[in-house]
Protein backbone atom coordinates (compact mmCIF):
# COMPACT_ATOMS: atom_id res chain seq x y z
CA UNK A 1 0.00 0.00 0.00
CA UNK A 2 2.85 2.41 0.83
CA UNK A 3 4.40 1.74 -2.59
CA UNK A 4 1.06 2.46 -4.29
CA UNK A 5 0.72 5.76 -2.44
CA UNK A 6 4.27 6.69 -3.40
CA UNK A 7 3.64 5.97 -7.08
CA UNK A 8 0.38 7.91 -6.95
CA UNK A 9 2.13 10.91 -5.40
CA UNK A 10 4.98 10.86 -7.91
CA UNK A 11 2.54 10.60 -10.83
CA UNK A 12 0.54 13.51 -9.46
CA UNK A 13 3.72 15.54 -9.06
CA UNK A 14 4.67 14.92 -12.68
CA UNK A 15 1.20 15.99 -13.85
CA UNK A 16 1.42 19.21 -11.85
CA UNK A 17 4.91 20.07 -13.09
CA UNK A 18 3.73 19.43 -16.67
CA UNK A 19 0.96 21.95 -15.97
CA UNK A 20 3.52 24.51 -14.75
CA UNK A 21 5.67 23.90 -17.84
CA UNK A 22 2.67 24.59 -20.09
CA UNK A 23 2.00 27.85 -18.24
CA UNK A 24 5.61 28.91 -18.77
CA UNK A 25 5.43 28.11 -22.49
CA UNK A 26 2.31 30.24 -22.81
CA UNK A 27 3.76 33.07 -20.74
CA UNK A 28 7.54 33.31 -20.14
CA UNK A 29 6.82 35.88 -17.39
CA UNK A 30 4.68 33.41 -15.45
CA UNK A 31 5.94 33.08 -11.87
CA UNK A 32 4.42 30.32 -9.73
CA UNK A 33 4.77 30.14 -5.96
CA UNK A 34 8.46 30.09 -4.88
CA UNK A 35 8.03 26.65 -3.33
CA UNK A 36 7.10 25.37 -6.79
CA UNK A 37 10.06 27.13 -8.39
CA UNK A 38 12.41 25.60 -5.81
CA UNK A 39 10.93 22.17 -6.52
CA UNK A 40 11.42 22.63 -10.26
CA UNK A 41 15.07 23.62 -9.73
CA UNK A 42 15.68 20.49 -7.66
CA UNK A 43 13.96 18.17 -10.13
CA UNK A 44 15.93 19.71 -12.98
CA UNK A 45 19.07 18.21 -11.41
CA UNK A 46 17.60 14.88 -10.28
CA UNK A 47 18.90 13.04 -13.38
CA UNK A 48 22.44 14.14 -12.56
CA UNK A 49 22.64 12.18 -9.30
CA UNK A 50 22.65 8.51 -8.37
CA UNK A 51 19.96 6.57 -6.53
CA UNK A 52 20.23 7.30 -2.81
CA UNK A 53 21.79 10.73 -3.30
CA UNK A 54 20.11 14.07 -2.57
CA UNK A 55 19.71 17.30 -4.48
CA UNK A 56 18.31 20.71 -3.54
CA UNK A 57 16.65 23.66 -5.20
CA UNK A 58 16.19 27.25 -4.04
CA UNK A 59 13.57 29.64 -5.41
CA UNK A 60 14.51 32.95 -6.97
CA UNK A 61 12.85 36.26 -6.17
CA UNK A 62 9.23 36.94 -7.04
CA UNK A 63 7.96 39.27 -9.71
CA UNK A 64 8.93 42.96 -9.79
CA UNK A 65 5.62 43.77 -8.09
CA UNK A 66 5.35 40.88 -5.64
CA UNK A 67 7.92 39.92 -3.02
CA UNK A 68 7.80 36.21 -2.35
CA UNK A 69 9.63 34.58 0.53
CA UNK A 70 12.45 32.25 -0.61
CA UNK A 71 12.01 28.49 -0.30
CA UNK A 72 14.34 25.51 -0.46
CA UNK A 73 13.41 21.93 -1.38
CA UNK A 74 15.55 18.85 -0.74
CA UNK A 75 14.90 15.67 -2.77
CA UNK A 76 16.27 12.15 -2.57
CA UNK A 77 16.50 9.95 -5.65
CA UNK A 78 14.94 6.52 -5.22
CA UNK A 79 14.64 3.47 -7.43
CA UNK A 80 10.92 4.11 -7.82
CA UNK A 81 11.11 7.91 -8.19
CA UNK A 82 11.84 10.71 -5.77
CA UNK A 83 11.30 11.42 -2.09
CA UNK A 84 10.77 14.91 -0.72
CA UNK A 85 13.03 15.23 2.32
CA UNK A 86 12.32 18.82 3.29
CA UNK A 87 10.45 21.94 2.21
CA UNK A 88 11.74 25.00 4.06
CA UNK A 89 10.78 28.65 4.16
CA UNK A 90 14.24 30.24 4.32
CA UNK A 91 13.04 33.59 5.65
CA UNK A 92 11.52 32.21 8.83
CA UNK A 93 13.47 28.94 8.91
CA UNK A 94 10.33 26.84 9.10
CA UNK A 95 9.65 23.46 7.48
CA UNK A 96 6.38 22.89 5.62
CA UNK A 97 4.65 19.48 5.60
CA UNK A 98 4.14 17.76 2.24
CA UNK A 99 0.37 18.12 2.74
CA UNK A 100 0.74 21.90 2.73
CA UNK A 101 2.83 21.70 -0.43
CA UNK A 102 0.04 19.78 -2.16
CA UNK A 103 -2.45 22.41 -1.07
CA UNK A 104 -0.22 25.12 -2.56
CA UNK A 105 -0.24 23.17 -5.84
CA UNK A 106 -4.05 23.17 -5.86
CA UNK A 107 -4.24 26.82 -4.83
CA UNK A 108 -1.82 27.77 -7.62
CA UNK A 109 -4.18 26.25 -10.19
CA UNK A 110 -7.18 28.06 -8.66
CA UNK A 111 -5.44 31.44 -8.71
CA UNK A 112 -4.08 30.94 -12.24
CA UNK A 113 -7.66 31.10 -13.48
CA UNK A 114 -7.68 34.79 -12.59
CA UNK A 115 -5.55 37.07 -14.77
CA UNK A 116 -3.00 39.36 -13.12
CA UNK A 117 -1.20 39.59 -9.78
CA UNK A 118 -4.19 41.10 -7.96
CA UNK A 119 -7.42 39.43 -6.95
CA UNK A 120 -10.78 40.51 -5.52
CA UNK A 121 -11.08 39.53 -1.83
CA UNK A 122 -14.21 37.48 -2.52
CA UNK A 123 -12.39 35.53 -5.24
CA UNK A 124 -9.52 34.96 -2.81
CA UNK A 125 -11.92 33.46 -0.26
CA UNK A 126 -13.54 31.28 -2.93
CA UNK A 127 -10.11 29.96 -3.96
CA UNK A 128 -9.16 29.19 -0.35
CA UNK A 129 -12.44 27.41 0.34
CA UNK A 130 -12.02 25.41 -2.87
CA UNK A 131 -8.79 23.82 -1.63
CA UNK A 132 -9.20 23.81 2.17
CA UNK A 133 -12.08 21.58 3.38
CA UNK A 134 -14.78 22.91 5.64
CA UNK A 135 -15.48 26.39 4.25
CA UNK A 136 -13.12 27.87 6.81
CA UNK A 137 -12.90 31.32 5.21
CA UNK A 138 -15.66 33.94 5.00
CA UNK A 139 -15.66 37.21 3.07
CA UNK A 140 -17.35 39.93 5.08
CA UNK A 141 -18.08 42.24 2.14
CA UNK A 142 -21.40 44.06 2.50
CA UNK A 143 -22.00 42.50 5.92
CA UNK A 144 -19.42 44.79 7.55
CA UNK A 145 -22.10 46.97 9.24
CA UNK A 146 -23.70 43.85 10.68
CA UNK A 147 -20.29 42.75 11.94
CA UNK A 148 -19.58 46.22 13.36
CA UNK A 149 -22.81 46.14 15.36
CA UNK A 150 -22.13 42.58 16.57
CA UNK A 151 -18.66 43.64 17.64
CA UNK A 152 -20.07 46.59 19.60
CA UNK A 153 -22.52 44.25 21.33
CA UNK A 154 -19.70 41.89 22.28
CA UNK A 155 -17.70 44.79 23.68
CA UNK A 156 -20.65 45.93 25.79
CA UNK A 157 -20.94 42.38 27.13
CA UNK A 158 -17.25 42.35 27.99
CA UNK A 159 -16.49 39.55 25.51
CA UNK A 160 -13.80 41.38 23.55
CA UNK A 161 -10.38 41.79 25.08
CA UNK A 162 -7.71 44.15 23.81
CA UNK A 163 -3.95 43.83 23.91
CA UNK A 164 -2.01 46.38 25.97
CA UNK A 165 -1.87 48.67 22.94
CA UNK A 166 -3.10 52.17 23.67
CA UNK A 167 -2.61 53.16 20.02
CA UNK A 168 -5.15 50.53 18.92
CA UNK A 169 -7.62 51.65 21.58
CA UNK A 170 -7.20 55.28 20.53
CA UNK A 171 -7.79 54.35 16.88
CA UNK A 172 -10.96 52.48 17.83
CA UNK A 173 -12.25 55.46 19.83
CA UNK A 174 -11.90 57.71 16.76
CA UNK A 175 -14.25 55.58 14.67
CA UNK A 176 -17.71 57.11 14.32
CA UNK A 177 -20.96 55.39 13.40
CA UNK A 178 -20.78 56.84 9.88
CA UNK A 179 -17.09 56.02 9.32
CA UNK A 180 -16.75 54.06 6.02
CA UNK A 181 -15.30 50.56 6.28
CA UNK A 182 -12.42 51.61 4.04
CA UNK A 183 -11.31 54.15 6.66
CA UNK A 184 -11.09 51.63 9.50
CA UNK A 185 -7.44 50.81 10.36
CA UNK A 186 -6.42 47.35 9.17
CA UNK A 187 -5.85 46.06 12.70
CA UNK A 188 -9.31 47.22 13.82
CA UNK A 189 -10.98 45.51 10.86
CA UNK A 190 -9.03 42.34 11.68
CA UNK A 191 -10.08 42.52 15.35
CA UNK A 192 -13.74 42.91 14.36
CA UNK A 193 -13.49 39.99 11.93
CA UNK A 194 -11.87 37.64 14.44
CA UNK A 195 -14.36 38.60 17.15
CA UNK A 196 -17.45 37.85 15.04
CA UNK A 197 -16.14 34.79 13.16
CA UNK A 198 -18.45 32.40 15.02
CA UNK A 199 -21.47 34.39 13.86
CA UNK A 200 -20.68 33.38 10.29
CA UNK A 201 -19.72 29.80 11.08
CA UNK A 202 -16.18 30.49 9.96
CA UNK A 203 -12.65 30.23 11.29
CA UNK A 204 -11.17 33.17 9.38
CA UNK A 205 -13.09 36.27 8.32
CA UNK A 206 -11.51 38.26 5.50
CA UNK A 207 -12.26 41.93 6.22
CA UNK A 208 -10.63 43.54 3.18
CA UNK A 209 -13.09 46.12 1.74
CA UNK A 210 -14.81 45.13 -1.51
CA UNK A 211 -13.18 47.96 -3.46
CA UNK A 212 -9.67 46.77 -2.58
CA UNK A 213 -7.56 44.09 -4.24
CA UNK A 214 -5.36 41.44 -2.65
CA UNK A 215 -1.97 40.40 -3.99
CA UNK A 216 -2.10 36.75 -5.02
CA UNK A 217 0.99 35.87 -3.00
CA UNK A 218 -0.85 36.98 0.15
CA UNK A 219 -3.53 34.38 -0.54
CA UNK A 220 -0.83 31.71 -0.32
CA UNK A 221 0.26 33.25 2.98
CA UNK A 222 -3.31 33.03 4.30
CA UNK A 223 -3.43 29.34 3.45
CA UNK A 224 -0.08 28.39 4.98
CA UNK A 225 -0.63 30.49 8.10
CA UNK A 226 -4.00 28.87 8.64
CA UNK A 227 -2.84 25.30 8.10
CA UNK A 228 0.31 25.62 10.19
CA UNK A 229 -1.30 27.42 13.10
CA UNK A 230 0.31 30.77 12.44
CA UNK A 231 -3.05 32.48 11.97
CA UNK A 232 -3.96 31.81 15.60
CA UNK A 233 -1.55 34.58 16.62
CA UNK A 234 -3.50 37.15 14.65
CA UNK A 235 -7.05 35.98 14.19
CA UNK A 236 -8.22 34.72 17.56
CA UNK A 237 -9.55 37.20 20.14
CA UNK A 238 -6.94 38.30 22.63
CA UNK A 239 -7.11 36.58 26.00
CA UNK A 240 -7.69 38.53 29.15
CA UNK A 241 -4.72 38.85 31.48
CA UNK A 242 -5.09 37.06 34.82
C-alpha atoms as a PDB file:
ATOM      1  CA  UNK A   1       0.000   0.000   0.000  1.00  0.00           C
ATOM      2  CA  UNK A   2       2.848   2.408   0.826  1.00  0.00           C
ATOM      3  CA  UNK A   3       4.398   1.738  -2.588  1.00  0.00           C
ATOM      4  CA  UNK A   4       1.061   2.456  -4.288  1.00  0.00           C
ATOM      5  CA  UNK A   5       0.717   5.764  -2.439  1.00  0.00           C
ATOM      6  CA  UNK A   6       4.270   6.695  -3.405  1.00  0.00           C
ATOM      7  CA  UNK A   7       3.644   5.975  -7.077  1.00  0.00           C
ATOM      8  CA  UNK A   8       0.376   7.909  -6.953  1.00  0.00           C
ATOM      9  CA  UNK A   9       2.125  10.915  -5.405  1.00  0.00           C
ATOM     10  CA  UNK A  10       4.982  10.856  -7.909  1.00  0.00           C
ATOM     11  CA  UNK A  11       2.544  10.597 -10.826  1.00  0.00           C
ATOM     12  CA  UNK A  12       0.539  13.508  -9.459  1.00  0.00           C
ATOM     13  CA  UNK A  13       3.718  15.539  -9.058  1.00  0.00           C
ATOM     14  CA  UNK A  14       4.666  14.920 -12.676  1.00  0.00           C
ATOM     15  CA  UNK A  15       1.202  15.994 -13.855  1.00  0.00           C
ATOM     16  CA  UNK A  16       1.416  19.209 -11.852  1.00  0.00           C
ATOM     17  CA  UNK A  17       4.907  20.075 -13.088  1.00  0.00           C
ATOM     18  CA  UNK A  18       3.728  19.434 -16.665  1.00  0.00           C
ATOM     19  CA  UNK A  19       0.962  21.952 -15.965  1.00  0.00           C
ATOM     20  CA  UNK A  20       3.521  24.514 -14.749  1.00  0.00           C
ATOM     21  CA  UNK A  21       5.673  23.903 -17.844  1.00  0.00           C
ATOM     22  CA  UNK A  22       2.675  24.588 -20.089  1.00  0.00           C
ATOM     23  CA  UNK A  23       1.996  27.847 -18.240  1.00  0.00           C
ATOM     24  CA  UNK A  24       5.607  28.910 -18.775  1.00  0.00           C
ATOM     25  CA  UNK A  25       5.433  28.110 -22.488  1.00  0.00           C
ATOM     26  CA  UNK A  26       2.308  30.237 -22.812  1.00  0.00           C
ATOM     27  CA  UNK A  27       3.757  33.068 -20.744  1.00  0.00           C
ATOM     28  CA  UNK A  28       7.539  33.306 -20.137  1.00  0.00           C
ATOM     29  CA  UNK A  29       6.818  35.882 -17.387  1.00  0.00           C
ATOM     30  CA  UNK A  30       4.681  33.407 -15.452  1.00  0.00           C
ATOM     31  CA  UNK A  31       5.944  33.076 -11.870  1.00  0.00           C
ATOM     32  CA  UNK A  32       4.417  30.324  -9.732  1.00  0.00           C
ATOM     33  CA  UNK A  33       4.772  30.138  -5.959  1.00  0.00           C
ATOM     34  CA  UNK A  34       8.456  30.090  -4.883  1.00  0.00           C
ATOM     35  CA  UNK A  35       8.027  26.650  -3.333  1.00  0.00           C
ATOM     36  CA  UNK A  36       7.098  25.371  -6.786  1.00  0.00           C
ATOM     37  CA  UNK A  37      10.057  27.127  -8.387  1.00  0.00           C
ATOM     38  CA  UNK A  38      12.407  25.596  -5.807  1.00  0.00           C
ATOM     39  CA  UNK A  39      10.934  22.170  -6.525  1.00  0.00           C
ATOM     40  CA  UNK A  40      11.417  22.633 -10.260  1.00  0.00           C
ATOM     41  CA  UNK A  41      15.072  23.619  -9.731  1.00  0.00           C
ATOM     42  CA  UNK A  42      15.680  20.494  -7.664  1.00  0.00           C
ATOM     43  CA  UNK A  43      13.955  18.171 -10.128  1.00  0.00           C
ATOM     44  CA  UNK A  44      15.930  19.713 -12.980  1.00  0.00           C
ATOM     45  CA  UNK A  45      19.067  18.207 -11.415  1.00  0.00           C
ATOM     46  CA  UNK A  46      17.596  14.879 -10.278  1.00  0.00           C
ATOM     47  CA  UNK A  47      18.899  13.037 -13.380  1.00  0.00           C
ATOM     48  CA  UNK A  48      22.440  14.139 -12.558  1.00  0.00           C
ATOM     49  CA  UNK A  49      22.639  12.181  -9.303  1.00  0.00           C
ATOM     50  CA  UNK A  50      22.654   8.507  -8.367  1.00  0.00           C
ATOM     51  CA  UNK A  51      19.961   6.574  -6.533  1.00  0.00           C
ATOM     52  CA  UNK A  52      20.227   7.302  -2.805  1.00  0.00           C
ATOM     53  CA  UNK A  53      21.793  10.730  -3.299  1.00  0.00           C
ATOM     54  CA  UNK A  54      20.112  14.068  -2.571  1.00  0.00           C
ATOM     55  CA  UNK A  55      19.712  17.304  -4.477  1.00  0.00           C
ATOM     56  CA  UNK A  56      18.309  20.712  -3.535  1.00  0.00           C
ATOM     57  CA  UNK A  57      16.648  23.665  -5.200  1.00  0.00           C
ATOM     58  CA  UNK A  58      16.190  27.253  -4.039  1.00  0.00           C
ATOM     59  CA  UNK A  59      13.571  29.643  -5.407  1.00  0.00           C
ATOM     60  CA  UNK A  60      14.509  32.949  -6.969  1.00  0.00           C
ATOM     61  CA  UNK A  61      12.846  36.256  -6.174  1.00  0.00           C
ATOM     62  CA  UNK A  62       9.226  36.939  -7.036  1.00  0.00           C
ATOM     63  CA  UNK A  63       7.959  39.274  -9.710  1.00  0.00           C
ATOM     64  CA  UNK A  64       8.927  42.959  -9.795  1.00  0.00           C
ATOM     65  CA  UNK A  65       5.622  43.774  -8.089  1.00  0.00           C
ATOM     66  CA  UNK A  66       5.349  40.876  -5.641  1.00  0.00           C
ATOM     67  CA  UNK A  67       7.918  39.918  -3.025  1.00  0.00           C
ATOM     68  CA  UNK A  68       7.803  36.206  -2.347  1.00  0.00           C
ATOM     69  CA  UNK A  69       9.628  34.580   0.528  1.00  0.00           C
ATOM     70  CA  UNK A  70      12.450  32.247  -0.608  1.00  0.00           C
ATOM     71  CA  UNK A  71      12.008  28.490  -0.298  1.00  0.00           C
ATOM     72  CA  UNK A  72      14.339  25.507  -0.459  1.00  0.00           C
ATOM     73  CA  UNK A  73      13.406  21.933  -1.378  1.00  0.00           C
ATOM     74  CA  UNK A  74      15.551  18.849  -0.742  1.00  0.00           C
ATOM     75  CA  UNK A  75      14.904  15.666  -2.769  1.00  0.00           C
ATOM     76  CA  UNK A  76      16.275  12.147  -2.567  1.00  0.00           C
ATOM     77  CA  UNK A  77      16.496   9.948  -5.649  1.00  0.00           C
ATOM     78  CA  UNK A  78      14.936   6.516  -5.222  1.00  0.00           C
ATOM     79  CA  UNK A  79      14.644   3.466  -7.431  1.00  0.00           C
ATOM     80  CA  UNK A  80      10.922   4.113  -7.821  1.00  0.00           C
ATOM     81  CA  UNK A  81      11.107   7.906  -8.193  1.00  0.00           C
ATOM     82  CA  UNK A  82      11.843  10.714  -5.769  1.00  0.00           C
ATOM     83  CA  UNK A  83      11.303  11.420  -2.090  1.00  0.00           C
ATOM     84  CA  UNK A  84      10.770  14.913  -0.716  1.00  0.00           C
ATOM     85  CA  UNK A  85      13.031  15.230   2.316  1.00  0.00           C
ATOM     86  CA  UNK A  86      12.316  18.824   3.295  1.00  0.00           C
ATOM     87  CA  UNK A  87      10.449  21.941   2.215  1.00  0.00           C
ATOM     88  CA  UNK A  88      11.742  24.996   4.063  1.00  0.00           C
ATOM     89  CA  UNK A  89      10.784  28.653   4.156  1.00  0.00           C
ATOM     90  CA  UNK A  90      14.235  30.241   4.321  1.00  0.00           C
ATOM     91  CA  UNK A  91      13.044  33.589   5.645  1.00  0.00           C
ATOM     92  CA  UNK A  92      11.517  32.208   8.830  1.00  0.00           C
ATOM     93  CA  UNK A  93      13.474  28.937   8.910  1.00  0.00           C
ATOM     94  CA  UNK A  94      10.331  26.840   9.100  1.00  0.00           C
ATOM     95  CA  UNK A  95       9.646  23.464   7.478  1.00  0.00           C
ATOM     96  CA  UNK A  96       6.378  22.886   5.616  1.00  0.00           C
ATOM     97  CA  UNK A  97       4.651  19.477   5.598  1.00  0.00           C
ATOM     98  CA  UNK A  98       4.145  17.763   2.235  1.00  0.00           C
ATOM     99  CA  UNK A  99       0.373  18.124   2.740  1.00  0.00           C
ATOM    100  CA  UNK A 100       0.743  21.904   2.727  1.00  0.00           C
ATOM    101  CA  UNK A 101       2.832  21.698  -0.434  1.00  0.00           C
ATOM    102  CA  UNK A 102       0.044  19.777  -2.160  1.00  0.00           C
ATOM    103  CA  UNK A 103      -2.451  22.413  -1.071  1.00  0.00           C
ATOM    104  CA  UNK A 104      -0.218  25.117  -2.563  1.00  0.00           C
ATOM    105  CA  UNK A 105      -0.240  23.171  -5.840  1.00  0.00           C
ATOM    106  CA  UNK A 106      -4.046  23.171  -5.856  1.00  0.00           C
ATOM    107  CA  UNK A 107      -4.244  26.821  -4.828  1.00  0.00           C
ATOM    108  CA  UNK A 108      -1.824  27.770  -7.618  1.00  0.00           C
ATOM    109  CA  UNK A 109      -4.182  26.248 -10.186  1.00  0.00           C
ATOM    110  CA  UNK A 110      -7.176  28.060  -8.662  1.00  0.00           C
ATOM    111  CA  UNK A 111      -5.441  31.443  -8.710  1.00  0.00           C
ATOM    112  CA  UNK A 112      -4.080  30.942 -12.240  1.00  0.00           C
ATOM    113  CA  UNK A 113      -7.659  31.095 -13.481  1.00  0.00           C
ATOM    114  CA  UNK A 114      -7.678  34.790 -12.588  1.00  0.00           C
ATOM    115  CA  UNK A 115      -5.554  37.072 -14.773  1.00  0.00           C
ATOM    116  CA  UNK A 116      -3.001  39.357 -13.118  1.00  0.00           C
ATOM    117  CA  UNK A 117      -1.198  39.585  -9.783  1.00  0.00           C
ATOM    118  CA  UNK A 118      -4.191  41.105  -7.963  1.00  0.00           C
ATOM    119  CA  UNK A 119      -7.423  39.432  -6.954  1.00  0.00           C
ATOM    120  CA  UNK A 120     -10.783  40.509  -5.517  1.00  0.00           C
ATOM    121  CA  UNK A 121     -11.081  39.527  -1.828  1.00  0.00           C
ATOM    122  CA  UNK A 122     -14.211  37.478  -2.524  1.00  0.00           C
ATOM    123  CA  UNK A 123     -12.385  35.527  -5.244  1.00  0.00           C
ATOM    124  CA  UNK A 124      -9.521  34.961  -2.806  1.00  0.00           C
ATOM    125  CA  UNK A 125     -11.920  33.464  -0.264  1.00  0.00           C
ATOM    126  CA  UNK A 126     -13.540  31.281  -2.928  1.00  0.00           C
ATOM    127  CA  UNK A 127     -10.110  29.962  -3.959  1.00  0.00           C
ATOM    128  CA  UNK A 128      -9.158  29.189  -0.348  1.00  0.00           C
ATOM    129  CA  UNK A 129     -12.437  27.415   0.345  1.00  0.00           C
ATOM    130  CA  UNK A 130     -12.024  25.408  -2.869  1.00  0.00           C
ATOM    131  CA  UNK A 131      -8.791  23.821  -1.627  1.00  0.00           C
ATOM    132  CA  UNK A 132      -9.202  23.813   2.174  1.00  0.00           C
ATOM    133  CA  UNK A 133     -12.076  21.578   3.376  1.00  0.00           C
ATOM    134  CA  UNK A 134     -14.782  22.906   5.640  1.00  0.00           C
ATOM    135  CA  UNK A 135     -15.476  26.394   4.246  1.00  0.00           C
ATOM    136  CA  UNK A 136     -13.120  27.871   6.810  1.00  0.00           C
ATOM    137  CA  UNK A 137     -12.903  31.324   5.210  1.00  0.00           C
ATOM    138  CA  UNK A 138     -15.663  33.935   4.996  1.00  0.00           C
ATOM    139  CA  UNK A 139     -15.656  37.208   3.065  1.00  0.00           C
ATOM    140  CA  UNK A 140     -17.350  39.933   5.085  1.00  0.00           C
ATOM    141  CA  UNK A 141     -18.082  42.237   2.141  1.00  0.00           C
ATOM    142  CA  UNK A 142     -21.399  44.056   2.497  1.00  0.00           C
ATOM    143  CA  UNK A 143     -21.995  42.503   5.918  1.00  0.00           C
ATOM    144  CA  UNK A 144     -19.423  44.793   7.549  1.00  0.00           C
ATOM    145  CA  UNK A 145     -22.096  46.965   9.238  1.00  0.00           C
ATOM    146  CA  UNK A 146     -23.703  43.854  10.683  1.00  0.00           C
ATOM    147  CA  UNK A 147     -20.286  42.750  11.936  1.00  0.00           C
ATOM    148  CA  UNK A 148     -19.583  46.217  13.359  1.00  0.00           C
ATOM    149  CA  UNK A 149     -22.811  46.138  15.364  1.00  0.00           C
ATOM    150  CA  UNK A 150     -22.132  42.585  16.574  1.00  0.00           C
ATOM    151  CA  UNK A 151     -18.656  43.638  17.642  1.00  0.00           C
ATOM    152  CA  UNK A 152     -20.072  46.587  19.596  1.00  0.00           C
ATOM    153  CA  UNK A 153     -22.516  44.249  21.326  1.00  0.00           C
ATOM    154  CA  UNK A 154     -19.705  41.885  22.284  1.00  0.00           C
ATOM    155  CA  UNK A 155     -17.697  44.794  23.679  1.00  0.00           C
ATOM    156  CA  UNK A 156     -20.645  45.925  25.788  1.00  0.00           C
ATOM    157  CA  UNK A 157     -20.944  42.382  27.134  1.00  0.00           C
ATOM    158  CA  UNK A 158     -17.255  42.346  27.988  1.00  0.00           C
ATOM    159  CA  UNK A 159     -16.493  39.551  25.513  1.00  0.00           C
ATOM    160  CA  UNK A 160     -13.804  41.379  23.547  1.00  0.00           C
ATOM    161  CA  UNK A 161     -10.376  41.794  25.078  1.00  0.00           C
ATOM    162  CA  UNK A 162      -7.712  44.149  23.812  1.00  0.00           C
ATOM    163  CA  UNK A 163      -3.947  43.827  23.914  1.00  0.00           C
ATOM    164  CA  UNK A 164      -2.007  46.382  25.965  1.00  0.00           C
ATOM    165  CA  UNK A 165      -1.874  48.669  22.942  1.00  0.00           C
ATOM    166  CA  UNK A 166      -3.098  52.175  23.667  1.00  0.00           C
ATOM    167  CA  UNK A 167      -2.614  53.160  20.025  1.00  0.00           C
ATOM    168  CA  UNK A 168      -5.152  50.529  18.923  1.00  0.00           C
ATOM    169  CA  UNK A 169      -7.616  51.655  21.583  1.00  0.00           C
ATOM    170  CA  UNK A 170      -7.200  55.283  20.532  1.00  0.00           C
ATOM    171  CA  UNK A 171      -7.795  54.346  16.878  1.00  0.00           C
ATOM    172  CA  UNK A 172     -10.963  52.482  17.832  1.00  0.00           C
ATOM    173  CA  UNK A 173     -12.254  55.460  19.830  1.00  0.00           C
ATOM    174  CA  UNK A 174     -11.899  57.709  16.764  1.00  0.00           C
ATOM    175  CA  UNK A 175     -14.246  55.577  14.671  1.00  0.00           C
ATOM    176  CA  UNK A 176     -17.706  57.113  14.323  1.00  0.00           C
ATOM    177  CA  UNK A 177     -20.959  55.388  13.401  1.00  0.00           C
ATOM    178  CA  UNK A 178     -20.778  56.843   9.876  1.00  0.00           C
ATOM    179  CA  UNK A 179     -17.086  56.017   9.316  1.00  0.00           C
ATOM    180  CA  UNK A 180     -16.748  54.058   6.023  1.00  0.00           C
ATOM    181  CA  UNK A 181     -15.300  50.557   6.281  1.00  0.00           C
ATOM    182  CA  UNK A 182     -12.418  51.607   4.036  1.00  0.00           C
ATOM    183  CA  UNK A 183     -11.313  54.148   6.662  1.00  0.00           C
ATOM    184  CA  UNK A 184     -11.092  51.635   9.504  1.00  0.00           C
ATOM    185  CA  UNK A 185      -7.444  50.813  10.361  1.00  0.00           C
ATOM    186  CA  UNK A 186      -6.423  47.345   9.170  1.00  0.00           C
ATOM    187  CA  UNK A 187      -5.851  46.064  12.704  1.00  0.00           C
ATOM    188  CA  UNK A 188      -9.306  47.220  13.822  1.00  0.00           C
ATOM    189  CA  UNK A 189     -10.975  45.507  10.859  1.00  0.00           C
ATOM    190  CA  UNK A 190      -9.033  42.340  11.680  1.00  0.00           C
ATOM    191  CA  UNK A 191     -10.082  42.524  15.352  1.00  0.00           C
ATOM    192  CA  UNK A 192     -13.739  42.911  14.360  1.00  0.00           C
ATOM    193  CA  UNK A 193     -13.487  39.994  11.930  1.00  0.00           C
ATOM    194  CA  UNK A 194     -11.871  37.644  14.443  1.00  0.00           C
ATOM    195  CA  UNK A 195     -14.357  38.604  17.154  1.00  0.00           C
ATOM    196  CA  UNK A 196     -17.447  37.853  15.043  1.00  0.00           C
ATOM    197  CA  UNK A 197     -16.143  34.790  13.156  1.00  0.00           C
ATOM    198  CA  UNK A 198     -18.449  32.397  15.020  1.00  0.00           C
ATOM    199  CA  UNK A 199     -21.467  34.389  13.863  1.00  0.00           C
ATOM    200  CA  UNK A 200     -20.680  33.376  10.287  1.00  0.00           C
ATOM    201  CA  UNK A 201     -19.721  29.802  11.079  1.00  0.00           C
ATOM    202  CA  UNK A 202     -16.179  30.494   9.959  1.00  0.00           C
ATOM    203  CA  UNK A 203     -12.648  30.232  11.286  1.00  0.00           C
ATOM    204  CA  UNK A 204     -11.166  33.166   9.376  1.00  0.00           C
ATOM    205  CA  UNK A 205     -13.088  36.273   8.321  1.00  0.00           C
ATOM    206  CA  UNK A 206     -11.510  38.264   5.501  1.00  0.00           C
ATOM    207  CA  UNK A 207     -12.265  41.929   6.224  1.00  0.00           C
ATOM    208  CA  UNK A 208     -10.629  43.537   3.178  1.00  0.00           C
ATOM    209  CA  UNK A 209     -13.090  46.117   1.740  1.00  0.00           C
ATOM    210  CA  UNK A 210     -14.806  45.130  -1.508  1.00  0.00           C
ATOM    211  CA  UNK A 211     -13.178  47.960  -3.456  1.00  0.00           C
ATOM    212  CA  UNK A 212      -9.668  46.772  -2.580  1.00  0.00           C
ATOM    213  CA  UNK A 213      -7.563  44.093  -4.239  1.00  0.00           C
ATOM    214  CA  UNK A 214      -5.358  41.441  -2.646  1.00  0.00           C
ATOM    215  CA  UNK A 215      -1.967  40.399  -3.993  1.00  0.00           C
ATOM    216  CA  UNK A 216      -2.100  36.747  -5.016  1.00  0.00           C
ATOM    217  CA  UNK A 217       0.988  35.868  -3.004  1.00  0.00           C
ATOM    218  CA  UNK A 218      -0.846  36.978   0.151  1.00  0.00           C
ATOM    219  CA  UNK A 219      -3.533  34.380  -0.545  1.00  0.00           C
ATOM    220  CA  UNK A 220      -0.828  31.706  -0.321  1.00  0.00           C
ATOM    221  CA  UNK A 221       0.259  33.253   2.979  1.00  0.00           C
ATOM    222  CA  UNK A 222      -3.312  33.028   4.299  1.00  0.00           C
ATOM    223  CA  UNK A 223      -3.428  29.338   3.449  1.00  0.00           C
ATOM    224  CA  UNK A 224      -0.079  28.392   4.984  1.00  0.00           C
ATOM    225  CA  UNK A 225      -0.632  30.490   8.102  1.00  0.00           C
ATOM    226  CA  UNK A 226      -4.004  28.869   8.640  1.00  0.00           C
ATOM    227  CA  UNK A 227      -2.841  25.298   8.101  1.00  0.00           C
ATOM    228  CA  UNK A 228       0.311  25.623  10.194  1.00  0.00           C
ATOM    229  CA  UNK A 229      -1.305  27.416  13.100  1.00  0.00           C
ATOM    230  CA  UNK A 230       0.307  30.774  12.444  1.00  0.00           C
ATOM    231  CA  UNK A 231      -3.052  32.479  11.974  1.00  0.00           C
ATOM    232  CA  UNK A 232      -3.960  31.814  15.603  1.00  0.00           C
ATOM    233  CA  UNK A 233      -1.553  34.580  16.622  1.00  0.00           C
ATOM    234  CA  UNK A 234      -3.496  37.154  14.646  1.00  0.00           C
ATOM    235  CA  UNK A 235      -7.051  35.980  14.185  1.00  0.00           C
ATOM    236  CA  UNK A 236      -8.225  34.723  17.563  1.00  0.00           C
ATOM    237  CA  UNK A 237      -9.554  37.204  20.140  1.00  0.00           C
ATOM    238  CA  UNK A 238      -6.938  38.297  22.631  1.00  0.00           C
ATOM    239  CA  UNK A 239      -7.106  36.581  25.997  1.00  0.00           C
ATOM    240  CA  UNK A 240      -7.689  38.534  29.151  1.00  0.00           C
ATOM    241  CA  UNK A 241      -4.718  38.849  31.478  1.00  0.00           C
ATOM    242  CA  UNK A 242      -5.087  37.058  34.821  1.00  0.00           C
END
